[in-house]
Amino acid sequence: MKPNKWKETLSVVLSAALALALFLVLLLLLSWNIILCMILTAAAYIALSLIFRPVSRIGKIETESLANGEFLNERLTEAGADYNRMLKAVRQICEQPLLDECRDLITRAGNILKYLTDNPEKIPAARRYIDYYQEMAANVLEHYVELKKTGLSTGETGKILRSTRESISTLKSAFDLQFEKLMQNELLDMEADLKLLKNTLKSEGYKEPEKKGQETSK
């Protein structure tokens, strides 16, 4: 269950429990008229629901106060999910200096994610970063971890290690460039940049995993 759904469910349960407790107190202990008890209980439930209603936020800003707030929250959640994928993969990497380079990449991704959280109005400008750059980084890291688990030979391991290091170096440069453009309030919609990054990664031996839909259609 998603965090927001869980909070909403808890809010409903808590409000209903307190309203029921009020009903029992009024009816059984104070012997009030049952109709009056029901009316007061219903009013109390509505009031408690409003009090305990979870407030969705992006950083310190309430989602409802933003234009397209729910959409912005969804996009930021997507970015957070890919960031967590990166973290999970890096925890399984121990080879140096690759590990240090991966941590540098994580630091850059974390800085961008924090910036978007603090400045949610900039999220639309980061759509390319969220949809492609960060997802690509997560794919590269996961791809390396998966290959390592297959028990490659020493020669193959060295080749994959070099290729991954080159990819990470390229991605770090791309992250820096995108963060700089984001800070300058430029739309991250540069087709030339995307094409260059794709071609660079391909030349370094990284093959982008197929989409799930493509795999199932075969």
C-alpha atoms as a PDB file:
ATOM      1  CA  MET A   1       0.000   0.000   0.000  1.00  0.00           C
ATOM      2  CA  LYS A   2       1.311   3.441  -0.949  1.00  0.00           C
ATOM      3  CA  PRO A   3       2.210   5.785   1.972  1.00  0.00           C
ATOM      4  CA  ASN A   4      -0.531   8.285   1.100  1.00  0.00           C
ATOM      5  CA  LYS A   5      -3.175   5.533   0.844  1.00  0.00           C
ATOM      6  CA  TRP A   6      -2.028   4.101   4.159  1.00  0.00           C
ATOM      7  CA  LYS A   7      -2.322   7.510   5.798  1.00  0.00           C
ATOM      8  CA  GLU A   8      -5.778   8.033   4.329  1.00  0.00           C
ATOM      9  CA  THR A   9      -6.931   4.643   5.625  1.00  0.00           C
ATOM     10  CA  LEU A  10      -5.520   5.366   9.077  1.00  0.00           C
ATOM     11  CA  SER A  11      -7.281   8.748   9.080  1.00  0.00           C
ATOM     12  CA  VAL A  12     -10.648   7.135   8.287  1.00  0.00           C
ATOM     13  CA  VAL A  13     -10.233   4.405  10.898  1.00  0.00           C
ATOM     14  CA  LEU A  14      -9.138   6.836  13.610  1.00  0.00           C
ATOM     15  CA  SER A  15     -11.972   9.252  12.851  1.00  0.00           C
ATOM     16  CA  ALA A  16     -14.545   6.440  12.876  1.00  0.00           C
ATOM     17  CA  ALA A  17     -13.202   5.020  16.150  1.00  0.00           C
ATOM     18  CA  LEU A  18     -13.345   8.366  17.938  1.00  0.00           C
ATOM     19  CA  ALA A  19     -16.795   9.134  16.552  1.00  0.00           C
ATOM     20  CA  LEU A  20     -18.043   5.725  17.717  1.00  0.00           C
ATOM     21  CA  ALA A  21     -16.548   6.312  21.164  1.00  0.00           C
ATOM     22  CA  LEU A  22     -18.382   9.641  21.360  1.00  0.00           C
ATOM     23  CA  PHE A  23     -21.645   7.957  20.342  1.00  0.00           C
ATOM     24  CA  LEU A  24     -21.303   5.326  23.065  1.00  0.00           C
ATOM     25  CA  VAL A  25     -20.465   7.924  25.714  1.00  0.00           C
ATOM     26  CA  LEU A  26     -23.452  10.097  24.812  1.00  0.00           C
ATOM     27  CA  LEU A  27     -25.870   7.204  24.518  1.00  0.00           C
ATOM     28  CA  LEU A  28     -24.815   4.851  27.312  1.00  0.00           C
ATOM     29  CA  LEU A  29     -23.193   7.086  29.906  1.00  0.00           C
ATOM     30  CA  LEU A  30     -25.126  10.307  29.436  1.00  0.00           C
ATOM     31  CA  SER A  31     -28.352   8.654  28.210  1.00  0.00           C
ATOM     32  CA  TRP A  32     -28.929  11.201  25.489  1.00  0.00           C
ATOM     33  CA  ASN A  33     -31.599  10.771  22.816  1.00  0.00           C
ATOM     34  CA  ILE A  34     -30.349   8.296  20.195  1.00  0.00           C
ATOM     35  CA  ILE A  35     -31.287  10.573  17.274  1.00  0.00           C
ATOM     36  CA  LEU A  36     -29.341  13.450  18.808  1.00  0.00           C
ATOM     37  CA  CYS A  37     -26.428  11.098  19.466  1.00  0.00           C
ATOM     38  CA  MET A  38     -26.390  10.012  15.828  1.00  0.00           C
ATOM     39  CA  ILE A  39     -26.467  13.601  14.575  1.00  0.00           C
ATOM     40  CA  LEU A  40     -23.636  14.678  16.869  1.00  0.00           C
ATOM     41  CA  THR A  41     -21.640  11.565  15.994  1.00  0.00           C
ATOM     42  CA  ALA A  42     -21.971  12.233  12.267  1.00  0.00           C
ATOM     43  CA  ALA A  43     -20.884  15.837  12.750  1.00  0.00           C
ATOM     44  CA  ALA A  44     -17.951  14.718  14.896  1.00  0.00           C
ATOM     45  CA  TYR A  45     -16.875  12.182  12.241  1.00  0.00           C
ATOM     46  CA  ILE A  46     -16.853  14.846   9.547  1.00  0.00           C
ATOM     47  CA  ALA A  47     -14.879  17.239  11.727  1.00  0.00           C
ATOM     48  CA  LEU A  48     -12.380  14.552  12.770  1.00  0.00           C
ATOM     49  CA  SER A  49     -11.927  13.462   9.144  1.00  0.00           C
ATOM     50  CA  LEU A  50     -10.940  17.009   8.230  1.00  0.00           C
ATOM     51  CA  ILE A  51      -8.605  17.282  11.214  1.00  0.00           C
ATOM     52  CA  PHE A  52      -6.820  13.980  10.587  1.00  0.00           C
ATOM     53  CA  ARG A  53      -6.868  14.215   6.784  1.00  0.00           C
ATOM     54  CA  PRO A  54      -3.291  13.687   5.592  1.00  0.00           C
ATOM     55  CA  VAL A  55      -1.811  16.693   3.827  1.00  0.00           C
ATOM     56  CA  SER A  56       0.259  15.835   0.762  1.00  0.00           C
ATOM     57  CA  ARG A  57       3.440  17.879   0.559  1.00  0.00           C
ATOM     58  CA  ILE A  58       6.395  18.359  -1.712  1.00  0.00           C
ATOM     59  CA  GLY A  59       9.090  19.377   0.695  1.00  0.00           C
ATOM     60  CA  LYS A  60       7.457  22.009   2.890  1.00  0.00           C
ATOM     61  CA  ILE A  61       4.867  23.066   0.305  1.00  0.00           C
ATOM     62  CA  GLU A  62       1.350  21.627   0.337  1.00  0.00           C
ATOM     63  CA  THR A  63       0.545  19.885  -2.931  1.00  0.00           C
ATOM     64  CA  GLU A  64      -2.882  21.512  -3.127  1.00  0.00           C
ATOM     65  CA  SER A  65      -1.305  24.970  -3.172  1.00  0.00           C
ATOM     66  CA  LEU A  66       0.591  24.187  -6.377  1.00  0.00           C
ATOM     67  CA  ALA A  67      -0.761  24.235  -9.904  1.00  0.00           C
ATOM     68  CA  ASN A  68      -0.923  20.586 -11.022  1.00  0.00           C
ATOM     69  CA  GLY A  69       0.329  19.668  -7.565  1.00  0.00           C
ATOM     70  CA  GLU A  70      -0.654  15.995  -7.758  1.00  0.00           C
ATOM     71  CA  PHE A  71       1.086  15.622 -11.114  1.00  0.00           C
ATOM     72  CA  LEU A  72       4.244  17.265  -9.763  1.00  0.00           C
ATOM     73  CA  ASN A  73       4.143  14.946  -6.766  1.00  0.00           C
ATOM     74  CA  GLU A  74       3.852  11.902  -9.044  1.00  0.00           C
ATOM     75  CA  ARG A  75       6.824  13.038 -11.134  1.00  0.00           C
ATOM     76  CA  LEU A  76       8.941  13.627  -8.041  1.00  0.00           C
ATOM     77  CA  THR A  77       7.944  10.203  -6.732  1.00  0.00           C
ATOM     78  CA  GLU A  78       9.157   8.669 -10.002  1.00  0.00           C
ATOM     79  CA  ALA A  79      12.469  10.467  -9.621  1.00  0.00           C
ATOM     80  CA  GLY A  80      12.753   9.225  -6.045  1.00  0.00           C
ATOM     81  CA  ALA A  81      12.076   5.641  -7.157  1.00  0.00           C
ATOM     82  CA  ASP A  82      14.908   5.717  -9.721  1.00  0.00           C
ATOM     83  CA  TYR A  83      17.191   7.338  -7.152  1.00  0.00           C
ATOM     84  CA  ASN A  84      16.460   4.466  -4.757  1.00  0.00           C
ATOM     85  CA  ARG A  85      17.221   1.986  -7.558  1.00  0.00           C
ATOM     86  CA  MET A  86      20.605   3.635  -7.943  1.00  0.00           C
ATOM     87  CA  LEU A  87      21.272   3.468  -4.210  1.00  0.00           C
ATOM     88  CA  LYS A  88      20.335  -0.209  -4.055  1.00  0.00           C
ATOM     89  CA  ALA A  89      22.639  -1.078  -6.945  1.00  0.00           C
ATOM     90  CA  VAL A  90      25.590   0.907  -5.582  1.00  0.00           C
ATOM     91  CA  ARG A  91      25.322  -0.934  -2.248  1.00  0.00           C
ATOM     92  CA  GLN A  92      26.175  -4.110  -4.167  1.00  0.00           C
ATOM     93  CA  ILE A  93      29.292  -2.653  -5.816  1.00  0.00           C
ATOM     94  CA  CYS A  94      32.629  -2.997  -4.055  1.00  0.00           C
ATOM     95  CA  GLU A  95      35.176  -2.577  -6.859  1.00  0.00           C
ATOM     96  CA  GLN A  96      37.373   0.500  -6.636  1.00  0.00           C
ATOM     97  CA  PRO A  97      37.616   3.082  -8.115  1.00  0.00           C
ATOM     98  CA  LEU A  98      34.185   2.311  -9.601  1.00  0.00           C
ATOM     99  CA  LEU A  99      32.524   2.497  -6.176  1.00  0.00           C
ATOM    100  CA  ASP A 100      33.816   6.026  -5.552  1.00  0.00           C
ATOM    101  CA  GLU A 101      32.653   7.131  -9.005  1.00  0.00           C
ATOM    102  CA  CYS A 102      29.213   5.626  -8.388  1.00  0.00           C
ATOM    103  CA  ARG A 103      29.001   7.456  -5.072  1.00  0.00           C
ATOM    104  CA  ASP A 104      29.843  10.703  -6.884  1.00  0.00           C
ATOM    105  CA  LEU A 105      26.979   9.995  -9.279  1.00  0.00           C
ATOM    106  CA  ILE A 106      24.640   9.299  -6.358  1.00  0.00           C
ATOM    107  CA  THR A 107      25.658  12.597  -4.749  1.00  0.00           C
ATOM    108  CA  ARG A 108      24.808  14.467  -7.946  1.00  0.00           C
ATOM    109  CA  ALA A 109      21.450  12.696  -8.240  1.00  0.00           C
ATOM    110  CA  GLY A 110      20.694  13.433  -4.592  1.00  0.00           C
ATOM    111  CA  ASN A 111      21.475  17.124  -5.067  1.00  0.00           C
ATOM    112  CA  ILE A 112      19.118  17.339  -8.047  1.00  0.00           C
ATOM    113  CA  LEU A 113      16.371  15.469  -6.203  1.00  0.00           C
ATOM    114  CA  LYS A 114      16.703  17.791  -3.203  1.00  0.00           C
ATOM    115  CA  TYR A 115      16.629  20.842  -5.466  1.00  0.00           C
ATOM    116  CA  LEU A 116      13.420  19.635  -7.135  1.00  0.00           C
ATOM    117  CA  THR A 117      11.896  18.890  -3.723  1.00  0.00           C
ATOM    118  CA  ASP A 118      12.711  22.393  -2.507  1.00  0.00           C
ATOM    119  CA  ASN A 119      11.616  23.963  -5.815  1.00  0.00           C
ATOM    120  CA  PRO A 120       8.675  21.877  -7.078  1.00  0.00           C
ATOM    121  CA  GLU A 121       7.815  24.486  -9.697  1.00  0.00           C
ATOM    122  CA  LYS A 122      11.013  23.389 -11.498  1.00  0.00           C
ATOM    123  CA  ILE A 123       9.867  19.760 -11.821  1.00  0.00           C
ATOM    124  CA  PRO A 124       8.296  20.214 -15.291  1.00  0.00           C
ATOM    125  CA  ALA A 125      11.623  21.590 -16.538  1.00  0.00           C
ATOM    126  CA  ALA A 126      13.343  18.417 -15.361  1.00  0.00           C
ATOM    127  CA  ARG A 127      11.163  15.991 -17.294  1.00  0.00           C
ATOM    128  CA  ARG A 128      14.044  14.819 -19.506  1.00  0.00           C
ATOM    129  CA  TYR A 129      16.252  14.259 -16.494  1.00  0.00           C
ATOM    130  CA  ILE A 130      13.556  12.248 -14.728  1.00  0.00           C
ATOM    131  CA  ASP A 131      12.392  10.298 -17.774  1.00  0.00           C
ATOM    132  CA  TYR A 132      15.758   9.526 -19.299  1.00  0.00           C
ATOM    133  CA  TYR A 133      18.994  10.578 -17.598  1.00  0.00           C
ATOM    134  CA  GLN A 134      18.348   9.265 -14.109  1.00  0.00           C
ATOM    135  CA  GLU A 135      16.541   6.161 -15.359  1.00  0.00           C
ATOM    136  CA  MET A 136      19.498   5.457 -17.658  1.00  0.00           C
ATOM    137  CA  ALA A 137      21.869   5.778 -14.700  1.00  0.00           C
ATOM    138  CA  ALA A 138      19.806   3.299 -12.678  1.00  0.00           C
ATOM    139  CA  ASN A 139      19.796   0.894 -15.639  1.00  0.00           C
ATOM    140  CA  VAL A 140      23.586   1.120 -16.056  1.00  0.00           C
ATOM    141  CA  LEU A 141      24.219   0.373 -12.380  1.00  0.00           C
ATOM    142  CA  GLU A 142      21.721  -2.491 -12.254  1.00  0.00           C
ATOM    143  CA  HIS A 143      23.129  -3.905 -15.506  1.00  0.00           C
ATOM    144  CA  TYR A 144      26.621  -4.009 -14.000  1.00  0.00           C
ATOM    145  CA  VAL A 145      25.406  -5.697 -10.813  1.00  0.00           C
ATOM    146  CA  GLU A 146      23.456  -8.307 -12.788  1.00  0.00           C
ATOM    147  CA  LEU A 147      26.466  -9.111 -14.990  1.00  0.00           C
ATOM    148  CA  LYS A 148      28.724  -9.480 -11.949  1.00  0.00           C
ATOM    149  CA  LYS A 149      26.324 -12.024 -10.495  1.00  0.00           C
ATOM    150  CA  THR A 150      26.652 -14.249 -13.581  1.00  0.00           C
ATOM    151  CA  GLY A 151      30.227 -15.195 -12.656  1.00  0.00           C
ATOM    152  CA  LEU A 152      32.123 -13.639 -15.545  1.00  0.00           C
ATOM    153  CA  SER A 153      35.731 -14.525 -16.275  1.00  0.00           C
ATOM    154  CA  THR A 154      38.506 -12.190 -15.141  1.00  0.00           C
ATOM    155  CA  GLY A 155      38.938 -10.797 -18.642  1.00  0.00           C
ATOM    156  CA  GLU A 156      35.208 -10.199 -19.119  1.00  0.00           C
ATOM    157  CA  THR A 157      34.947  -8.619 -15.670  1.00  0.00           C
ATOM    158  CA  GLY A 158      37.717  -6.177 -16.497  1.00  0.00           C
ATOM    159  CA  LYS A 159      36.050  -5.223 -19.773  1.00  0.00           C
ATOM    160  CA  ILE A 160      32.645  -4.669 -18.121  1.00  0.00           C
ATOM    161  CA  LEU A 161      34.293  -2.705 -15.303  1.00  0.00           C
ATOM    162  CA  ARG A 162      36.025  -0.337 -17.745  1.00  0.00           C
ATOM    163  CA  SER A 163      32.862   0.083 -19.815  1.00  0.00           C
ATOM    164  CA  THR A 164      30.776   0.854 -16.723  1.00  0.00           C
ATOM    165  CA  ARG A 165      33.323   3.359 -15.418  1.00  0.00           C
ATOM    166  CA  GLU A 166      33.238   5.176 -18.754  1.00  0.00           C
ATOM    167  CA  SER A 167      29.434   5.182 -18.707  1.00  0.00           C
ATOM    168  CA  ILE A 168      29.347   6.527 -15.148  1.00  0.00           C
ATOM    169  CA  SER A 169      31.832   9.259 -16.098  1.00  0.00           C
ATOM    170  CA  THR A 170      29.624  10.258 -19.026  1.00  0.00           C
ATOM    171  CA  LEU A 171      26.525  10.256 -16.823  1.00  0.00           C
ATOM    172  CA  LYS A 172      28.223  12.406 -14.176  1.00  0.00           C
ATOM    173  CA  SER A 173      28.976  15.005 -16.852  1.00  0.00           C
ATOM    174  CA  ALA A 174      25.401  14.781 -18.105  1.00  0.00           C
ATOM    175  CA  PHE A 175      24.015  15.207 -14.565  1.00  0.00           C
ATOM    176  CA  ASP A 176      26.208  18.273 -14.028  1.00  0.00           C
ATOM    177  CA  LEU A 177      25.061  19.790 -17.314  1.00  0.00           C
ATOM    178  CA  GLN A 178      21.394  19.141 -16.609  1.00  0.00           C
ATOM    179  CA  PHE A 179      21.625  20.527 -13.054  1.00  0.00           C
ATOM    180  CA  GLU A 180      23.296  23.668 -14.394  1.00  0.00           C
ATOM    181  CA  LYS A 181      20.509  24.137 -16.951  1.00  0.00           C
ATOM    182  CA  LEU A 182      17.904  23.452 -14.285  1.00  0.00           C
ATOM    183  CA  MET A 183      19.399  26.100 -12.033  1.00  0.00           C
ATOM    184  CA  GLN A 184      19.278  28.514 -14.960  1.00  0.00           C
ATOM    185  CA  ASN A 185      15.591  27.699 -15.446  1.00  0.00           C
ATOM    186  CA  GLU A 186      16.141  26.217 -18.897  1.00  0.00           C
ATOM    187  CA  LEU A 187      13.887  23.426 -20.112  1.00  0.00           C
ATOM    188  CA  LEU A 188      15.727  20.117 -20.103  1.00  0.00           C
ATOM    189  CA  ASP A 189      14.441  19.237 -23.524  1.00  0.00           C
ATOM    190  CA  MET A 190      17.651  19.121 -25.508  1.00  0.00           C
ATOM    191  CA  GLU A 191      17.349  16.437 -28.173  1.00  0.00           C
ATOM    192  CA  ALA A 192      20.970  16.962 -29.202  1.00  0.00           C
ATOM    193  CA  ASP A 193      22.133  16.319 -25.629  1.00  0.00           C
ATOM    194  CA  LEU A 194      20.050  13.155 -25.440  1.00  0.00           C
ATOM    195  CA  LYS A 195      21.349  11.852 -28.756  1.00  0.00           C
ATOM    196  CA  LEU A 196      24.934  12.571 -27.714  1.00  0.00           C
ATOM    197  CA  LEU A 197      24.496  10.760 -24.403  1.00  0.00           C
ATOM    198  CA  LYS A 198      22.903   7.725 -26.086  1.00  0.00           C
ATOM    199  CA  ASN A 199      25.631   7.490 -28.691  1.00  0.00           C
ATOM    200  CA  THR A 200      28.375   7.934 -26.109  1.00  0.00           C
ATOM    201  CA  LEU A 201      26.997   5.186 -23.889  1.00  0.00           C
ATOM    202  CA  LYS A 202      26.599   2.851 -26.867  1.00  0.00           C
ATOM    203  CA  SER A 203      30.163   3.504 -27.964  1.00  0.00           C
ATOM    204  CA  GLU A 204      31.296   2.605 -24.458  1.00  0.00           C
ATOM    205  CA  GLY A 205      29.612  -0.784 -24.689  1.00  0.00           C
ATOM    206  CA  TYR A 206      26.453  -0.146 -22.687  1.00  0.00           C
ATOM    207  CA  LYS A 207      23.301  -1.595 -24.190  1.00  0.00           C
ATOM    208  CA  GLU A 208      20.034  -0.145 -22.943  1.00  0.00           C
ATOM    209  CA  PRO A 209      17.742  -2.914 -21.561  1.00  0.00           C
ATOM    210  CA  GLU A 210      14.593  -3.629 -23.531  1.00  0.00           C
ATOM    211  CA  LYS A 211      11.315  -2.329 -22.188  1.00  0.00           C
ATOM    212  CA  LYS A 212       9.075  -4.881 -20.474  1.00  0.00           C
ATOM    213  CA  GLY A 213       6.394  -4.378 -23.081  1.00  0.00           C
ATOM    214  CA  GLN A 214       8.848  -5.256 -25.841  1.00  0.00           C
ATOM    215  CA  GLU A 215       9.945  -8.428 -24.068  1.00  0.00           C
ATOM    216  CA  THR A 216       6.432  -9.740 -23.585  1.00  0.00           C
ATOM    217  CA  SER A 217       5.446  -9.004 -27.180  1.00  0.00           C
ATOM    218  CA  LYS A 218       8.131 -11.307 -28.562  1.00  0.00           C
END
